[in-house]
N, C-alpha and C. Protein backbone atom coordinates (compact mmCIF):
# COMPACT_ATOMS: atom_id res chain seq x y z
N MET A 1 175.27 129.74 122.48
CA MET A 1 174.12 130.57 121.48
C MET A 1 173.62 129.44 120.63
N LYS A 2 174.53 128.52 120.24
CA LYS A 2 174.00 127.47 119.37
C LYS A 2 173.17 126.46 120.10
N SER A 3 173.53 126.60 120.97
CA SER A 3 172.59 125.33 121.84
C SER A 3 171.49 126.02 122.43
N VAL A 4 171.41 127.31 122.55
CA VAL A 4 170.11 127.87 122.69
C VAL A 4 169.08 128.01 121.77
N LYS A 5 169.70 128.18 120.22
CA LYS A 5 168.64 128.05 118.98
C LYS A 5 168.40 126.75 119.23
N ARG A 6 169.26 125.95 118.91
CA ARG A 6 168.85 124.32 118.83
C ARG A 6 167.82 124.01 119.86
N VAL A 7 167.73 124.15 120.96
CA VAL A 7 166.85 124.08 121.87
C VAL A 7 165.55 124.74 121.49
N MET A 8 165.73 126.03 121.21
CA MET A 8 164.48 126.56 120.50
C MET A 8 163.60 125.94 119.21
N PHE A 9 164.57 125.13 118.26
CA PHE A 9 164.08 124.86 117.46
C PHE A 9 163.56 123.29 117.57
N ILE A 10 164.14 122.59 118.59
CA ILE A 10 163.44 121.49 118.92
C ILE A 10 162.01 121.49 119.60
N VAL A 11 161.84 122.97 120.54
CA VAL A 11 160.72 122.87 121.15
C VAL A 11 159.76 123.22 120.15
N GLY A 12 160.14 124.20 119.08
CA GLY A 12 159.27 124.73 117.94
C GLY A 12 158.60 123.16 117.07
N VAL A 13 159.53 122.36 116.83
CA VAL A 13 159.15 121.23 116.21
C VAL A 13 158.42 120.62 116.82
N VAL A 14 158.61 120.26 118.35
CA VAL A 14 157.96 119.34 119.13
C VAL A 14 156.26 119.99 119.13
N SER A 15 156.16 121.34 119.54
CA SER A 15 154.90 121.91 119.41
C SER A 15 154.04 121.85 118.09
N THR A 16 154.90 121.84 117.33
CA THR A 16 153.84 121.68 115.88
C THR A 16 153.46 120.24 115.73
N ILE A 17 154.42 119.26 115.97
CA ILE A 17 154.01 118.07 116.13
C ILE A 17 152.60 117.99 116.91
N ALA A 18 152.98 118.49 118.24
CA ALA A 18 151.82 118.32 119.03
C ALA A 18 150.34 119.17 118.73
N LEU A 19 150.41 120.20 118.06
CA LEU A 19 149.41 120.61 117.52
C LEU A 19 148.80 119.92 116.49
N MET A 20 149.32 119.28 115.47
CA MET A 20 148.96 118.44 114.24
C MET A 20 148.32 117.30 114.84
N SER A 21 148.76 116.62 115.85
CA SER A 21 148.51 115.58 116.73
C SER A 21 147.33 115.81 116.98
N GLY A 22 147.09 116.89 117.66
CA GLY A 22 145.57 117.39 118.33
C GLY A 22 144.56 117.65 117.28
N TYR A 23 145.08 118.15 116.02
CA TYR A 23 144.17 118.52 115.00
C TYR A 23 143.80 117.12 114.45
N VAL A 24 144.38 116.37 114.42
CA VAL A 24 143.94 114.77 113.28
C VAL A 24 143.14 114.40 114.51
N THR A 25 143.37 114.19 115.64
CA THR A 25 142.84 113.45 116.73
C THR A 25 141.27 114.08 116.82
N ASN A 26 140.97 115.23 116.92
CA ASN A 26 139.75 115.98 117.20
C ASN A 26 139.07 115.63 115.86
N LYS A 27 139.76 115.88 114.70
CA LYS A 27 138.77 115.78 113.45
C LYS A 27 138.49 114.37 113.43
N THR A 28 139.19 113.55 113.73
CA THR A 28 138.67 111.93 113.77
C THR A 28 137.70 111.70 114.74
N LYS A 29 137.49 112.43 116.12
CA LYS A 29 136.53 112.04 116.69
C LYS A 29 135.35 113.28 116.67
N ALA A 30 135.41 113.74 115.69
CA ALA A 30 134.35 115.01 115.21
C ALA A 30 132.88 113.93 114.50
N PRO A 31 131.83 114.36 115.02
CA PRO A 31 130.50 113.32 114.73
C PRO A 31 130.34 113.70 113.21
N LYS A 32 129.93 112.47 112.49
CA LYS A 32 129.79 112.50 111.08
C LYS A 32 128.19 113.16 110.81
N LYS A 33 128.03 113.89 109.97
CA LYS A 33 126.83 114.21 109.58
C LYS A 33 126.22 113.30 108.66
N VAL A 34 125.01 112.64 108.84
CA VAL A 34 124.30 111.33 108.27
C VAL A 34 122.89 111.87 107.35
N SER A 35 123.26 112.10 106.33
CA SER A 35 121.96 112.55 105.29
C SER A 35 120.94 111.62 105.59
N LYS A 36 119.67 112.36 105.79
CA LYS A 36 118.35 111.71 106.12
C LYS A 36 117.62 111.73 104.79
N LYS A 37 117.07 110.51 104.71
CA LYS A 37 116.14 110.18 103.33
C LYS A 37 114.67 110.48 104.06
N GLU A 38 114.03 110.72 103.12
CA GLU A 38 112.55 110.88 103.46
C GLU A 38 111.86 109.76 103.28
N LYS A 39 110.94 109.63 104.07
CA LYS A 39 110.41 108.13 104.26
C LYS A 39 108.89 108.45 103.45
N VAL A 40 108.55 107.82 102.27
CA VAL A 40 107.60 107.63 101.80
C VAL A 40 106.46 106.44 102.49
N GLU A 41 105.72 107.11 103.32
CA GLU A 41 104.64 105.93 103.83
C GLU A 41 103.16 105.55 102.95
N ALA A 42 102.89 104.49 103.53
CA ALA A 42 102.08 103.88 102.38
C ALA A 42 100.55 104.24 102.64
N LYS A 43 100.04 104.55 101.85
CA LYS A 43 98.86 105.05 102.24
C LYS A 43 97.96 104.24 102.86
N LYS A 44 97.13 105.50 104.01
CA LYS A 44 96.21 104.70 104.55
C LYS A 44 95.14 103.96 104.34
N LYS A 45 94.81 102.81 104.84
CA LYS A 45 93.84 102.07 104.44
C LYS A 45 92.79 101.74 105.49
N ILE A 46 91.22 101.91 104.91
CA ILE A 46 90.32 101.53 106.30
C ILE A 46 89.84 100.47 105.60
N ASN A 47 89.02 99.69 106.37
CA ASN A 47 88.28 98.57 105.90
C ASN A 47 86.75 98.64 106.12
N LEU A 48 86.08 98.24 105.29
CA LEU A 48 84.70 98.43 105.32
C LEU A 48 84.14 97.34 104.91
N PHE A 49 82.49 97.33 105.28
CA PHE A 49 81.90 95.95 104.64
C PHE A 49 80.27 96.61 104.65
N VAL A 50 79.59 96.08 103.80
CA VAL A 50 78.14 96.65 103.63
C VAL A 50 77.33 95.35 103.44
N THR A 51 76.31 95.40 104.77
CA THR A 51 75.22 94.19 104.77
C THR A 51 74.34 94.69 103.83
N HIS A 52 73.80 93.60 102.79
CA HIS A 52 72.77 93.99 101.74
C HIS A 52 72.05 92.40 101.83
N GLY A 53 70.30 92.46 102.07
CA GLY A 53 70.06 91.37 101.85
C GLY A 53 70.42 90.34 102.93
N HIS A 54 71.05 89.18 102.42
CA HIS A 54 71.82 88.16 103.42
C HIS A 54 73.14 87.88 103.34
N CYS A 55 73.54 88.98 102.51
CA CYS A 55 75.00 89.11 102.21
C CYS A 55 75.89 90.24 102.42
N SER A 56 77.04 90.37 102.73
CA SER A 56 77.68 91.04 103.18
C SER A 56 79.06 91.24 102.40
N THR A 57 79.37 92.69 101.56
CA THR A 57 80.54 92.89 100.51
C THR A 57 81.75 93.84 101.51
N PRO A 58 82.70 92.90 101.52
CA PRO A 58 83.81 93.46 102.27
C PRO A 58 84.59 94.20 101.17
N PHE A 59 85.14 95.67 101.84
CA PHE A 59 85.82 96.24 100.59
C PHE A 59 86.67 97.39 101.66
N GLU A 60 87.82 97.90 100.47
CA GLU A 60 88.80 98.91 101.62
C GLU A 60 88.99 100.18 100.87
N GLY A 61 89.18 101.16 101.41
CA GLY A 61 89.58 102.32 100.86
C GLY A 61 90.49 103.11 101.05
N VAL A 62 90.86 104.35 100.61
CA VAL A 62 92.10 104.98 100.87
C VAL A 62 91.70 106.33 101.69
N VAL A 63 92.32 106.44 102.86
CA VAL A 63 92.17 107.68 103.96
C VAL A 63 92.88 108.80 103.57
N GLU A 64 92.50 109.58 103.52
CA GLU A 64 93.06 111.06 103.29
C GLU A 64 92.79 112.23 104.65
N ASN A 65 93.43 112.67 104.77
CA ASN A 65 93.76 114.00 105.46
C ASN A 65 93.17 113.41 107.03
N ILE A 66 94.06 112.48 107.46
CA ILE A 66 93.55 111.98 108.58
C ILE A 66 94.22 112.84 109.78
N ASP A 67 93.42 113.49 110.62
CA ASP A 67 93.94 113.98 111.67
C ASP A 67 93.52 113.77 113.33
N ILE A 68 94.68 113.21 113.77
CA ILE A 68 94.20 112.86 115.38
C ILE A 68 95.09 113.60 116.16
N TYR A 69 94.34 114.03 117.22
CA TYR A 69 94.84 115.08 117.96
C TYR A 69 94.77 114.20 119.72
N THR A 70 95.96 113.77 120.13
CA THR A 70 95.96 113.28 121.25
C THR A 70 96.57 114.06 122.29
N PRO A 71 96.33 114.77 123.33
CA PRO A 71 96.68 115.77 124.26
C PRO A 71 97.65 115.03 125.32
N MET A 72 97.27 113.50 125.78
CA MET A 72 97.96 112.79 126.48
C MET A 72 98.00 111.62 126.31
N LEU A 73 99.46 110.92 126.12
CA LEU A 73 99.49 109.81 125.97
C LEU A 73 100.50 109.22 127.16
N THR A 74 99.57 108.74 127.76
CA THR A 74 100.28 108.40 129.09
C THR A 74 99.72 106.80 129.72
N PHE A 75 100.44 106.77 130.75
CA PHE A 75 100.04 105.64 131.44
C PHE A 75 98.26 105.33 131.95
N LYS A 76 97.93 106.59 131.96
CA LYS A 76 96.72 106.77 132.74
C LYS A 76 95.34 106.10 131.86
N GLU A 77 94.44 105.79 132.63
CA GLU A 77 93.53 104.80 132.11
C GLU A 77 92.57 105.74 130.85
N ASN A 78 92.51 106.87 131.09
CA ASN A 78 91.72 108.04 129.99
C ASN A 78 92.76 108.88 129.42
N SER A 79 93.78 108.26 128.75
CA SER A 79 94.80 108.96 127.93
C SER A 79 94.19 109.51 126.57
N LEU A 80 93.17 108.80 126.01
CA LEU A 80 92.35 109.35 124.95
C LEU A 80 91.43 110.19 124.99
N GLY A 81 91.10 110.75 126.40
CA GLY A 81 90.06 110.97 126.83
C GLY A 81 89.43 112.22 126.02
N ASN A 82 90.30 113.23 125.91
CA ASN A 82 90.45 114.59 125.11
C ASN A 82 90.82 114.60 123.55
N MET A 83 90.99 113.31 123.15
CA MET A 83 91.10 113.21 121.51
C MET A 83 90.35 113.70 120.96
N SER A 84 90.69 114.13 119.54
CA SER A 84 89.80 114.43 118.49
C SER A 84 90.12 113.70 117.51
N VAL A 85 89.23 113.47 116.18
CA VAL A 85 89.61 112.48 115.22
C VAL A 85 88.99 113.21 113.91
N SER A 86 89.46 113.34 112.81
CA SER A 86 89.05 113.55 111.79
C SER A 86 89.37 112.71 110.35
N PHE A 87 88.79 112.49 109.42
CA PHE A 87 89.27 111.79 108.34
C PHE A 87 88.50 111.87 107.02
N GLU A 88 88.95 111.62 105.67
CA GLU A 88 88.22 111.62 104.61
C GLU A 88 88.54 110.47 103.77
N VAL A 89 87.54 110.04 102.86
CA VAL A 89 87.77 108.65 102.51
C VAL A 89 87.30 108.91 100.98
N ASP A 90 88.14 108.50 99.82
CA ASP A 90 87.55 109.05 98.82
C ASP A 90 86.61 107.58 98.32
N PRO A 91 85.36 108.04 97.90
CA PRO A 91 84.70 106.51 97.44
C PRO A 91 85.15 106.25 95.91
N ASP A 92 85.87 107.07 95.49
CA ASP A 92 86.78 106.50 94.17
C ASP A 92 87.96 105.80 94.36
N SER A 93 87.92 105.70 95.59
CA SER A 93 89.58 104.46 95.87
C SER A 93 88.87 103.22 96.49
N PHE A 94 87.37 102.99 96.53
CA PHE A 94 87.05 101.99 97.06
C PHE A 94 87.54 100.70 96.08
N TYR A 95 87.75 99.21 96.72
CA TYR A 95 88.36 98.41 95.94
C TYR A 95 88.10 96.94 96.66
N VAL A 96 87.31 95.91 96.18
CA VAL A 96 86.65 94.49 96.73
C VAL A 96 87.80 93.75 96.46
N ASN A 97 88.56 93.21 97.68
CA ASN A 97 89.77 92.61 97.75
C ASN A 97 89.22 90.77 97.29
N ARG A 98 88.26 90.74 97.62
CA ARG A 98 87.76 89.35 97.56
C ARG A 98 87.37 89.15 96.22
N ALA A 99 86.82 89.62 95.51
CA ALA A 99 86.35 89.68 94.09
C ALA A 99 86.05 91.00 93.41
N GLU A 100 87.19 91.16 92.77
CA GLU A 100 87.64 92.52 92.07
C GLU A 100 86.34 92.83 90.96
N GLU A 101 85.61 91.80 90.42
CA GLU A 101 84.33 92.23 89.71
C GLU A 101 83.18 92.82 90.19
N LEU A 102 83.55 93.00 91.69
CA LEU A 102 82.19 93.44 92.73
C LEU A 102 82.58 94.83 92.81
N THR A 103 83.64 95.26 92.59
CA THR A 103 84.56 96.82 92.71
C THR A 103 83.32 97.65 92.18
N PRO A 104 82.82 97.42 90.95
CA PRO A 104 81.77 98.53 90.17
C PRO A 104 80.55 98.36 90.80
N ARG A 105 80.24 97.71 91.67
CA ARG A 105 78.79 97.35 92.18
C ARG A 105 79.11 98.58 93.53
N ILE A 106 80.02 98.57 94.18
CA ILE A 106 80.53 99.40 95.33
C ILE A 106 80.52 100.95 94.96
N LYS A 107 80.94 100.86 93.52
CA LYS A 107 81.20 102.38 92.82
C LYS A 107 79.67 102.76 92.25
N THR A 108 78.76 102.04 92.27
CA THR A 108 77.65 102.26 91.51
C THR A 108 76.90 103.95 92.07
N PRO A 109 76.79 104.48 91.16
CA PRO A 109 76.16 105.97 91.48
C PRO A 109 75.07 106.20 92.22
N GLY A 110 74.91 106.85 93.53
CA GLY A 110 74.08 106.96 94.05
C GLY A 110 74.47 106.41 95.32
N VAL A 111 75.38 105.09 95.41
CA VAL A 111 75.36 104.35 96.71
C VAL A 111 76.51 105.47 97.48
N PHE A 112 77.83 105.27 97.27
CA PHE A 112 78.54 106.17 98.06
C PHE A 112 79.32 107.23 97.23
N VAL A 113 79.04 107.12 95.98
CA VAL A 113 79.47 108.27 94.66
C VAL A 113 78.23 108.97 94.62
N GLY A 114 78.31 110.17 94.89
CA GLY A 114 77.34 111.75 94.83
C GLY A 114 77.54 112.16 93.26
N MET A 115 76.53 112.66 92.97
CA MET A 115 76.60 113.66 91.80
C MET A 115 77.91 114.71 91.48
N ASN A 116 78.33 115.17 92.73
CA ASN A 116 79.67 116.08 92.70
C ASN A 116 80.82 115.21 93.21
N ASN A 117 80.69 114.12 93.31
CA ASN A 117 82.01 113.16 93.58
C ASN A 117 82.40 113.73 95.62
N GLU A 118 81.51 113.63 95.97
CA GLU A 118 81.44 114.34 97.47
C GLU A 118 82.47 113.17 98.18
N LYS A 119 83.28 113.46 99.09
CA LYS A 119 84.30 112.53 100.06
C LYS A 119 83.40 111.81 101.00
N ILE A 120 83.86 111.02 101.35
CA ILE A 120 82.83 110.67 102.90
C ILE A 120 84.13 111.09 104.22
N THR A 121 83.50 111.81 105.03
CA THR A 121 84.10 112.72 105.93
C THR A 121 83.68 112.22 107.14
N PHE A 122 84.47 112.36 108.20
CA PHE A 122 84.11 111.91 109.90
C PHE A 122 84.77 113.27 110.27
N LYS A 123 83.83 113.79 111.52
CA LYS A 123 84.91 114.72 112.29
C LYS A 123 84.11 114.40 113.80
N SER A 124 85.12 114.07 114.85
CA SER A 124 84.57 113.85 116.45
C SER A 124 84.01 115.06 116.86
N THR A 125 83.22 114.90 117.72
CA THR A 125 82.28 116.21 118.40
C THR A 125 82.79 116.03 119.89
N ASN A 126 82.76 114.53 120.61
CA ASN A 126 82.70 114.42 121.98
C ASN A 126 83.41 112.98 121.84
N VAL A 127 84.24 112.83 123.14
CA VAL A 127 84.68 111.55 123.17
C VAL A 127 84.31 111.08 124.98
N TYR A 128 83.65 109.65 125.19
CA TYR A 128 83.40 109.37 126.31
C TYR A 128 84.45 107.87 126.53
N MET A 129 84.52 107.93 127.82
CA MET A 129 85.62 106.93 128.21
C MET A 129 84.25 105.83 128.66
N MET A 130 84.48 104.47 128.05
CA MET A 130 83.90 103.17 128.32
C MET A 130 84.19 102.39 129.35
N GLY A 131 85.72 102.31 129.35
CA GLY A 131 86.59 101.35 130.09
C GLY A 131 87.94 101.71 129.99
N VAL A 132 88.49 100.57 130.27
CA VAL A 132 90.05 100.80 130.47
C VAL A 132 90.30 100.88 128.98
N ASP A 133 91.06 102.04 128.38
CA ASP A 133 91.29 102.15 126.91
C ASP A 133 90.27 101.81 125.89
N TRP A 134 89.06 102.21 126.29
CA TRP A 134 88.06 102.16 125.21
C TRP A 134 86.93 103.26 125.51
N TYR A 135 86.72 103.91 124.45
CA TYR A 135 85.96 104.82 124.23
C TYR A 135 85.01 104.92 123.02
N GLN A 136 83.98 105.77 123.16
CA GLN A 136 83.04 105.93 122.47
C GLN A 136 83.10 107.51 121.74
N VAL A 137 83.24 107.27 120.48
CA VAL A 137 83.82 108.70 119.81
C VAL A 137 82.59 108.84 118.96
N ASN A 138 81.41 109.98 119.60
CA ASN A 138 80.37 110.57 118.81
C ASN A 138 81.33 111.63 117.77
N GLY A 139 80.31 111.74 116.42
CA GLY A 139 80.96 112.73 115.48
C GLY A 139 79.76 112.78 114.63
N LYS A 140 80.35 113.80 113.45
CA LYS A 140 79.61 113.76 112.01
C LYS A 140 80.26 112.93 110.63
N MET A 141 79.48 112.40 110.42
CA MET A 141 79.76 111.76 108.83
C MET A 141 78.82 112.09 108.10
N THR A 142 79.65 112.86 106.98
CA THR A 142 79.06 113.06 105.48
C THR A 142 79.28 111.96 104.37
N ILE A 143 77.93 111.62 103.85
CA ILE A 143 78.24 110.87 102.57
C ILE A 143 77.39 111.59 101.70
N LYS A 144 77.96 111.78 100.39
CA LYS A 144 77.55 112.31 99.17
C LYS A 144 76.90 113.42 99.54
N GLY A 145 77.80 114.56 100.44
CA GLY A 145 77.18 115.75 100.73
C GLY A 145 76.47 115.89 102.23
N GLU A 146 75.77 114.70 102.43
CA GLU A 146 74.71 114.88 103.63
C GLU A 146 75.02 114.72 104.84
N GLU A 147 75.15 115.08 105.83
CA GLU A 147 75.65 115.04 107.42
C GLU A 147 74.79 114.36 107.99
N ARG A 148 75.19 113.52 109.05
CA ARG A 148 74.41 112.64 110.14
C ARG A 148 75.51 112.40 111.17
N GLU A 149 74.61 112.44 112.14
CA GLU A 149 75.41 112.19 113.81
C GLU A 149 75.44 110.87 113.67
N VAL A 150 76.55 110.24 114.18
CA VAL A 150 77.37 108.87 114.16
C VAL A 150 77.93 108.83 115.60
N LYS A 151 77.93 107.21 115.66
CA LYS A 151 78.73 106.95 117.23
C LYS A 151 79.54 105.67 116.39
N LEU A 152 81.08 106.14 116.78
CA LEU A 152 81.94 104.72 116.52
C LEU A 152 82.85 104.59 117.92
N PHE A 153 83.46 103.78 117.70
CA PHE A 153 84.40 103.42 119.14
C PHE A 153 85.77 103.19 119.20
N ALA A 154 86.59 103.60 119.69
CA ALA A 154 88.08 103.42 119.45
C ALA A 154 88.35 102.77 121.04
N THR A 155 89.49 101.84 120.59
CA THR A 155 90.43 100.72 121.63
C THR A 155 91.88 101.17 121.49
N GLY A 156 92.35 101.87 122.50
CA GLY A 156 93.62 102.25 122.43
C GLY A 156 94.62 100.85 122.66
N ILE A 157 95.70 100.94 122.19
CA ILE A 157 96.49 99.61 122.13
C ILE A 157 97.86 99.84 122.87
N ARG A 158 98.40 99.19 123.92
CA ARG A 158 99.84 99.44 124.29
C ARG A 158 100.49 98.19 123.92
N GLY A 159 102.04 98.30 123.75
CA GLY A 159 102.59 97.15 123.89
C GLY A 159 102.96 96.69 125.32
N PRO A 160 103.63 95.28 124.98
CA PRO A 160 104.21 94.64 126.48
C PRO A 160 104.94 95.59 127.36
N TYR A 161 105.71 96.56 126.76
CA TYR A 161 106.67 97.13 127.73
C TYR A 161 106.30 98.78 127.32
N GLU A 162 104.95 99.29 127.09
CA GLU A 162 104.45 100.85 127.16
C GLU A 162 103.73 101.01 127.99
N SER A 163 103.97 101.85 128.73
CA SER A 163 103.31 102.81 129.59
C SER A 163 102.31 103.50 128.82
N GLY A 164 102.21 103.92 127.76
CA GLY A 164 101.16 104.80 127.05
C GLY A 164 100.74 104.21 125.70
N VAL A 165 99.34 104.78 125.52
CA VAL A 165 98.83 104.30 123.96
C VAL A 165 99.60 104.29 123.11
N SER A 166 99.91 103.48 121.98
CA SER A 166 101.09 103.98 120.96
C SER A 166 99.92 103.48 119.58
N SER A 167 99.13 103.02 119.82
CA SER A 167 97.97 102.97 118.31
C SER A 167 96.47 102.94 119.07
N MET A 168 95.61 102.93 118.07
CA MET A 168 94.09 102.74 118.54
C MET A 168 93.87 102.15 117.43
N VAL A 169 92.40 101.48 117.57
CA VAL A 169 91.66 100.79 116.74
C VAL A 169 90.13 101.77 116.47
N LEU A 170 89.81 102.26 115.54
CA LEU A 170 88.68 103.21 115.54
C LEU A 170 87.56 102.16 114.58
N GLN A 171 86.64 102.03 115.01
CA GLN A 171 85.83 101.01 114.55
C GLN A 171 83.97 101.12 114.73
N GLY A 172 83.02 101.08 114.04
CA GLY A 172 81.83 101.10 114.19
C GLY A 172 81.13 100.80 112.94
N GLN A 173 79.36 101.06 113.44
CA GLN A 173 79.03 100.60 112.19
C GLN A 173 77.67 101.99 111.66
N VAL A 174 76.90 102.20 110.80
CA VAL A 174 76.05 103.40 110.58
C VAL A 174 75.25 102.68 109.50
N ASN A 175 73.98 103.03 109.86
CA ASN A 175 72.76 102.77 108.78
C ASN A 175 72.50 103.59 107.69
N LEU A 176 72.92 102.84 106.78
CA LEU A 176 72.70 103.62 105.28
C LEU A 176 71.51 104.04 105.14
N PHE A 177 70.60 103.77 105.50
CA PHE A 177 68.91 104.11 105.51
C PHE A 177 68.91 105.64 105.98
N ASP A 178 69.92 106.14 107.00
CA ASP A 178 69.85 107.30 107.49
C ASP A 178 70.40 108.38 106.26
N TRP A 179 70.72 107.90 105.28
CA TRP A 179 71.31 108.84 104.20
C TRP A 179 70.44 108.37 103.17
N GLY A 180 69.32 107.48 103.19
CA GLY A 180 68.32 107.38 102.03
C GLY A 180 68.88 106.27 101.10
N ILE A 181 69.98 105.93 101.54
CA ILE A 181 70.82 104.62 100.86
C ILE A 181 70.26 103.36 100.69
N ASP A 182 69.95 102.84 99.76
CA ASP A 182 69.12 101.42 99.90
C ASP A 182 70.11 100.51 98.98
N TYR A 183 71.15 99.94 99.37
CA TYR A 183 72.31 99.32 98.42
C TYR A 183 71.36 98.06 97.34
N ASP A 184 70.60 97.54 97.81
CA ASP A 184 70.06 96.25 96.78
C ASP A 184 69.05 97.10 95.90
N LYS A 185 68.49 98.13 96.03
CA LYS A 185 67.83 98.66 95.14
C LYS A 185 68.53 99.58 94.11
N LEU A 186 69.59 100.07 94.58
CA LEU A 186 70.42 100.49 93.97
C LEU A 186 71.34 100.16 92.95
N VAL A 187 71.85 98.94 93.60
CA VAL A 187 72.78 97.84 92.83
C VAL A 187 71.92 97.15 91.79
N ASN A 188 71.31 96.31 92.44
CA ASN A 188 70.34 94.90 91.82
C ASN A 188 68.94 95.33 91.40
N GLY A 189 68.43 96.69 91.79
CA GLY A 189 67.00 97.12 91.42
C GLY A 189 65.80 96.57 92.44
N LYS A 190 66.51 96.20 93.15
CA LYS A 190 65.32 95.08 93.85
C LYS A 190 65.77 95.64 95.46
N SER A 191 64.89 96.06 96.22
CA SER A 191 65.05 96.21 97.52
C SER A 191 64.65 95.19 98.72
N GLU A 192 65.55 94.75 99.32
CA GLU A 192 64.96 93.61 100.26
C GLU A 192 64.49 93.99 101.43
N ASP A 193 63.63 93.43 102.09
CA ASP A 193 62.60 93.56 103.15
C ASP A 193 63.19 93.40 104.35
N ILE A 194 64.46 94.47 104.67
CA ILE A 194 65.26 94.10 105.98
C ILE A 194 65.08 95.90 106.49
N ALA A 195 65.46 95.88 107.85
CA ALA A 195 65.29 97.08 108.44
C ALA A 195 66.30 97.93 108.29
N THR A 196 67.41 97.27 108.15
CA THR A 196 68.68 98.41 108.43
C THR A 196 69.64 97.77 107.28
N LYS A 197 70.42 98.95 106.84
CA LYS A 197 71.63 98.57 105.86
C LYS A 197 72.71 99.06 106.22
N TRP A 198 73.62 97.99 106.89
CA TRP A 198 74.73 98.46 107.56
C TRP A 198 75.92 98.81 107.08
N LEU A 199 76.72 99.77 107.03
CA LEU A 199 77.86 100.10 106.59
C LEU A 199 78.81 100.21 107.86
N TYR A 200 79.84 98.73 107.95
CA TYR A 200 80.94 98.50 109.00
C TYR A 200 82.31 99.56 108.74
N LEU A 201 82.79 99.88 109.51
CA LEU A 201 84.28 100.64 109.21
C LEU A 201 85.31 100.17 110.69
N HIS A 202 86.58 100.06 109.99
CA HIS A 202 87.33 99.48 110.68
C HIS A 202 88.81 99.80 110.30
N MET A 203 89.61 100.73 111.42
CA MET A 203 90.57 101.35 110.73
C MET A 203 91.73 101.59 112.15
N LYS A 204 92.91 101.03 112.16
CA LYS A 204 93.85 100.93 113.01
C LYS A 204 95.00 102.25 112.73
N ILE A 205 95.23 103.25 113.81
CA ILE A 205 95.83 104.23 113.57
C ILE A 205 97.18 104.30 114.50
N GLU A 206 98.37 104.53 113.88
CA GLU A 206 99.72 104.72 114.81
C GLU A 206 99.34 105.99 115.30
N LEU A 207 99.73 106.16 116.52
CA LEU A 207 99.65 107.50 117.37
C LEU A 207 100.94 108.28 117.71
N CYS A 208 102.27 107.09 117.64
CA CYS A 208 103.22 107.63 117.94
C CYS A 208 104.61 106.70 117.39
């Protein structure tokens, strides 16, 4: 009888040790929860420059409310053919990197800054494939509250080991005379005898 109790006791102890060992092992192998910190992204910038007379003034601005819809990011040549693009730029964010003292000129009332401080906006209407990863982006641009149809161009960029487009460059030029903007007259008080006043835009956009 005592031997039976002793065997039962030993079996109980062994079973308890086995259970404890399994608990510790499972606890050790359990995946750890890693807290994720929110990433604060830098403000998106757009590069611009305006031609006036025989000079050009490069500057940059902050892009707001950028919305890019790309339904097909694949290896296909026409991967951005059905995309849509829209964004806003606040003229009050304009800054001349090369010469800070020129920043007030870019912000001269009546050039890009309207009476109601409207933002410059762009919204695409249709996209045409021009070549491999090269697109014409037609859309509507608003400056000082006035909307005009414009034409920009987008180039898809693929990394050396990427089958799909991971980013694109959006760029183009618009004639400021279409908005009745004569940069030289508004800033310098004298209009130059040239047929156009171009505003050039250039922005790189990460797609994935």
